Amino acid sequence: MSEKSSVKQEVAAGTSIGAAVLLVAVGVLQVLQGIAAVGTDEVFTVGVDYTYELDLTAWGWIHIALGVVIALVGVALFRAGIWARTLAIVIAALSIVVNFLWLPYAPGWAGVIIVLDVFVIWAVWNWIPSSGWEKPSR
């Protein structure tokens, strides 16, 4: 393994721990966003001609369900299993799509979650563990 590749792996392994923490945080944010949408429809406004317009209660339940799954995948990512890493990439990509569709309702929060999801995908994609969370051998 080249020195450049080794450094990249070490950075990716370290950020993957952060990615697991971020997945849990994104899941919690999604749940809170969903609760706000289900609880009080007056909090969010959107223009009249929005292509992906759903009832705010439906969007709220989508965010709550997705948030719970994201948080569970984040917890599973701490075990560093290949299935957890694969599922983390898939669920983060799904979260990007859902939050893109949610942009007119809460552009700030949706943008923050999209950026966090992109970071999670990068970290998990570039991390190749030798066994567990330890650094790759040189």
C-alpha atoms as a PDB file:
ATOM      1  CA  MET A   1       0.000   0.000   0.000  1.00  0.00           C
ATOM      2  CA  SER A   2       1.456   3.398  -0.948  1.00  0.00           C
ATOM      3  CA  GLU A   3       2.033   6.117   1.640  1.00  0.00           C
ATOM      4  CA  LYS A   4      -0.661   8.319   0.073  1.00  0.00           C
ATOM      5  CA  SER A   5      -3.173   5.471   0.121  1.00  0.00           C
ATOM      6  CA  SER A   6      -2.274   4.633   3.724  1.00  0.00           C
ATOM      7  CA  VAL A   7      -2.866   8.209   4.862  1.00  0.00           C
ATOM      8  CA  LYS A   8      -6.167   8.294   2.984  1.00  0.00           C
ATOM      9  CA  GLN A   9      -7.240   5.068   4.729  1.00  0.00           C
ATOM     10  CA  GLU A  10      -6.303   6.428   8.163  1.00  0.00           C
ATOM     11  CA  VAL A  11      -8.258   9.625   7.541  1.00  0.00           C
ATOM     12  CA  ALA A  12     -11.237   7.652   6.214  1.00  0.00           C
ATOM     13  CA  ALA A  13     -11.140   5.270   9.199  1.00  0.00           C
ATOM     14  CA  GLY A  14     -11.108   8.174  11.629  1.00  0.00           C
ATOM     15  CA  THR A  15     -13.885   9.974   9.819  1.00  0.00           C
ATOM     16  CA  SER A  16     -15.942   6.781   9.681  1.00  0.00           C
ATOM     17  CA  ILE A  17     -16.233   6.902  13.457  1.00  0.00           C
ATOM     18  CA  GLY A  18     -17.415  10.448  12.971  1.00  0.00           C
ATOM     19  CA  ALA A  19     -19.742   9.216  10.241  1.00  0.00           C
ATOM     20  CA  ALA A  20     -21.374   6.793  12.663  1.00  0.00           C
ATOM     21  CA  VAL A  21     -21.874   9.625  15.140  1.00  0.00           C
ATOM     22  CA  LEU A  22     -23.184  11.874  12.357  1.00  0.00           C
ATOM     23  CA  LEU A  23     -25.641   9.223  11.204  1.00  0.00           C
ATOM     24  CA  VAL A  24     -27.084   9.044  14.695  1.00  0.00           C
ATOM     25  CA  ALA A  25     -27.252  12.864  14.822  1.00  0.00           C
ATOM     26  CA  VAL A  26     -28.873  13.067  11.378  1.00  0.00           C
ATOM     27  CA  GLY A  27     -31.403  10.454  12.467  1.00  0.00           C
ATOM     28  CA  VAL A  28     -32.295  12.485  15.539  1.00  0.00           C
ATOM     29  CA  LEU A  29     -32.581  15.659  13.432  1.00  0.00           C
ATOM     30  CA  GLN A  30     -34.849  13.842  10.964  1.00  0.00           C
ATOM     31  CA  VAL A  31     -37.101  12.638  13.790  1.00  0.00           C
ATOM     32  CA  LEU A  32     -37.321  16.138  15.291  1.00  0.00           C
ATOM     33  CA  GLN A  33     -38.043  17.617  11.876  1.00  0.00           C
ATOM     34  CA  GLY A  34     -40.766  15.018  11.354  1.00  0.00           C
ATOM     35  CA  ILE A  35     -42.317  15.723  14.751  1.00  0.00           C
ATOM     36  CA  ALA A  36     -42.424  19.433  13.916  1.00  0.00           C
ATOM     37  CA  ALA A  37     -44.147  18.691  10.607  1.00  0.00           C
ATOM     38  CA  VAL A  38     -46.685  16.311  12.155  1.00  0.00           C
ATOM     39  CA  GLY A  39     -47.372  18.465  15.184  1.00  0.00           C
ATOM     40  CA  THR A  40     -47.798  21.937  13.753  1.00  0.00           C
ATOM     41  CA  ASP A  41     -48.435  22.421  10.072  1.00  0.00           C
ATOM     42  CA  GLU A  42     -48.235  26.211  10.523  1.00  0.00           C
ATOM     43  CA  VAL A  43     -44.457  26.091  11.086  1.00  0.00           C
ATOM     44  CA  PHE A  44     -43.707  25.301   7.437  1.00  0.00           C
ATOM     45  CA  THR A  45     -44.738  27.209   4.346  1.00  0.00           C
ATOM     46  CA  VAL A  46     -44.217  26.426   0.686  1.00  0.00           C
ATOM     47  CA  GLY A  47     -45.157  28.048  -2.598  1.00  0.00           C
ATOM     48  CA  VAL A  48     -48.295  26.913  -4.354  1.00  0.00           C
ATOM     49  CA  ASP A  49     -46.554  25.283  -7.342  1.00  0.00           C
ATOM     50  CA  TYR A  50     -44.259  22.728  -5.748  1.00  0.00           C
ATOM     51  CA  THR A  51     -43.861  19.566  -7.820  1.00  0.00           C
ATOM     52  CA  TYR A  52     -43.239  17.163  -4.917  1.00  0.00           C
ATOM     53  CA  GLU A  53     -45.895  18.582  -2.659  1.00  0.00           C
ATOM     54  CA  LEU A  54     -47.249  16.183  -0.058  1.00  0.00           C
ATOM     55  CA  ASP A  55     -49.320  16.808   3.011  1.00  0.00           C
ATOM     56  CA  LEU A  56     -47.028  18.006   5.823  1.00  0.00           C
ATOM     57  CA  THR A  57     -48.243  15.191   8.040  1.00  0.00           C
ATOM     58  CA  ALA A  58     -47.132  12.668   5.399  1.00  0.00           C
ATOM     59  CA  TRP A  59     -43.736  14.390   5.132  1.00  0.00           C
ATOM     60  CA  GLY A  60     -43.493  14.331   8.914  1.00  0.00           C
ATOM     61  CA  TRP A  61     -44.059  10.597   9.109  1.00  0.00           C
ATOM     62  CA  ILE A  62     -41.556  10.025   6.295  1.00  0.00           C
ATOM     63  CA  HIS A  63     -38.946  11.975   8.267  1.00  0.00           C
ATOM     64  CA  ILE A  64     -39.734  10.182  11.525  1.00  0.00           C
ATOM     65  CA  ALA A  65     -39.459   6.715   9.932  1.00  0.00           C
ATOM     66  CA  LEU A  66     -36.314   7.620   8.010  1.00  0.00           C
ATOM     67  CA  GLY A  67     -34.775   9.205  11.098  1.00  0.00           C
ATOM     68  CA  VAL A  68     -35.268   6.101  13.202  1.00  0.00           C
ATOM     69  CA  VAL A  69     -33.727   3.891  10.497  1.00  0.00           C
ATOM     70  CA  ILE A  70     -30.784   6.293  10.031  1.00  0.00           C
ATOM     71  CA  ALA A  71     -30.072   6.371  13.765  1.00  0.00           C
ATOM     72  CA  LEU A  72     -30.188   2.558  13.975  1.00  0.00           C
ATOM     73  CA  VAL A  73     -27.804   2.248  11.017  1.00  0.00           C
ATOM     74  CA  GLY A  74     -25.493   4.753  12.716  1.00  0.00           C
ATOM     75  CA  VAL A  75     -25.426   2.626  15.855  1.00  0.00           C
ATOM     76  CA  ALA A  76     -24.786  -0.502  13.744  1.00  0.00           C
ATOM     77  CA  LEU A  77     -21.926   1.265  11.956  1.00  0.00           C
ATOM     78  CA  PHE A  78     -19.977   1.299  15.223  1.00  0.00           C
ATOM     79  CA  ARG A  79     -19.658  -2.499  14.837  1.00  0.00           C
ATOM     80  CA  ALA A  80     -17.949  -1.902  11.465  1.00  0.00           C
ATOM     81  CA  GLY A  81     -19.688  -4.735   9.636  1.00  0.00           C
ATOM     82  CA  ILE A  82     -19.762  -4.716   5.835  1.00  0.00           C
ATOM     83  CA  TRP A  83     -23.569  -4.811   5.886  1.00  0.00           C
ATOM     84  CA  ALA A  84     -23.655  -1.741   8.146  1.00  0.00           C
ATOM     85  CA  ARG A  85     -21.283   0.164   5.862  1.00  0.00           C
ATOM     86  CA  THR A  86     -23.307  -0.768   2.794  1.00  0.00           C
ATOM     87  CA  LEU A  87     -26.567   0.152   4.483  1.00  0.00           C
ATOM     88  CA  ALA A  88     -25.050   3.433   5.722  1.00  0.00           C
ATOM     89  CA  ILE A  89     -24.258   4.482   2.153  1.00  0.00           C
ATOM     90  CA  VAL A  90     -27.699   3.458   0.890  1.00  0.00           C
ATOM     91  CA  ILE A  91     -29.596   5.138   3.722  1.00  0.00           C
ATOM     92  CA  ALA A  92     -27.504   8.333   3.484  1.00  0.00           C
ATOM     93  CA  ALA A  93     -28.222   8.487  -0.258  1.00  0.00           C
ATOM     94  CA  LEU A  94     -31.937   8.009   0.438  1.00  0.00           C
ATOM     95  CA  SER A  95     -31.741  10.775   3.032  1.00  0.00           C
ATOM     96  CA  ILE A  96     -30.195  13.094   0.433  1.00  0.00           C
ATOM     97  CA  VAL A  97     -33.106  12.444  -1.945  1.00  0.00           C
ATOM     98  CA  VAL A  98     -35.749  12.934   0.761  1.00  0.00           C
ATOM     99  CA  ASN A  99     -34.146  16.150   1.977  1.00  0.00           C
ATOM    100  CA  PHE A 100     -33.800  17.451  -1.577  1.00  0.00           C
ATOM    101  CA  LEU A 101     -37.550  16.996  -1.949  1.00  0.00           C
ATOM    102  CA  TRP A 102     -38.005  18.675   1.466  1.00  0.00           C
ATOM    103  CA  LEU A 103     -35.946  21.786   0.511  1.00  0.00           C
ATOM    104  CA  PRO A 104     -38.910  24.163  -0.056  1.00  0.00           C
ATOM    105  CA  TYR A 105     -40.245  23.459   3.442  1.00  0.00           C
ATOM    106  CA  ALA A 106     -37.019  23.872   5.449  1.00  0.00           C
ATOM    107  CA  PRO A 107     -34.113  24.831   3.181  1.00  0.00           C
ATOM    108  CA  GLY A 108     -31.613  25.433   5.987  1.00  0.00           C
ATOM    109  CA  TRP A 109     -32.097  22.150   7.805  1.00  0.00           C
ATOM    110  CA  ALA A 110     -32.439  20.162   4.602  1.00  0.00           C
ATOM    111  CA  GLY A 111     -29.199  21.671   3.296  1.00  0.00           C
ATOM    112  CA  VAL A 112     -27.324  20.874   6.497  1.00  0.00           C
ATOM    113  CA  ILE A 113     -28.545  17.275   6.472  1.00  0.00           C
ATOM    114  CA  ILE A 114     -27.611  16.868   2.785  1.00  0.00           C
ATOM    115  CA  VAL A 115     -24.064  18.081   3.495  1.00  0.00           C
ATOM    116  CA  LEU A 116     -23.755  15.733   6.487  1.00  0.00           C
ATOM    117  CA  ASP A 117     -25.019  12.819   4.389  1.00  0.00           C
ATOM    118  CA  VAL A 118     -22.466  13.528   1.648  1.00  0.00           C
ATOM    119  CA  PHE A 119     -19.709  13.529   4.279  1.00  0.00           C
ATOM    120  CA  VAL A 120     -20.974  10.214   5.667  1.00  0.00           C
ATOM    121  CA  ILE A 121     -20.993   8.626   2.201  1.00  0.00           C
ATOM    122  CA  TRP A 122     -17.441   9.816   1.495  1.00  0.00           C
ATOM    123  CA  ALA A 123     -16.117   8.565   4.828  1.00  0.00           C
ATOM    124  CA  VAL A 124     -17.741   5.154   4.646  1.00  0.00           C
ATOM    125  CA  TRP A 125     -16.924   4.669   0.951  1.00  0.00           C
ATOM    126  CA  ASN A 126     -13.208   5.389   1.431  1.00  0.00           C
ATOM    127  CA  TRP A 127     -12.779   3.360   4.593  1.00  0.00           C
ATOM    128  CA  ILE A 128     -11.455  -0.186   4.204  1.00  0.00           C
ATOM    129  CA  PRO A 129     -11.009  -1.632   7.693  1.00  0.00           C
ATOM    130  CA  SER A 130      -8.534  -4.409   8.345  1.00  0.00           C
ATOM    131  CA  SER A 131     -10.605  -5.662  11.271  1.00  0.00           C
ATOM    132  CA  GLY A 132     -12.794  -3.352  13.255  1.00  0.00           C
ATOM    133  CA  TRP A 133     -11.841   0.276  13.888  1.00  0.00           C
ATOM    134  CA  GLU A 134      -8.055  -0.026  14.248  1.00  0.00           C
ATOM    135  CA  LYS A 135      -5.734   1.661  11.786  1.00  0.00           C
ATOM    136  CA  PRO A 136      -4.669  -0.292   8.706  1.00  0.00           C
ATOM    137  CA  SER A 137      -1.317  -2.045   9.012  1.00  0.00           C
ATOM    138  CA  ARG A 138       1.638  -0.593   7.159  1.00  0.00           C
END
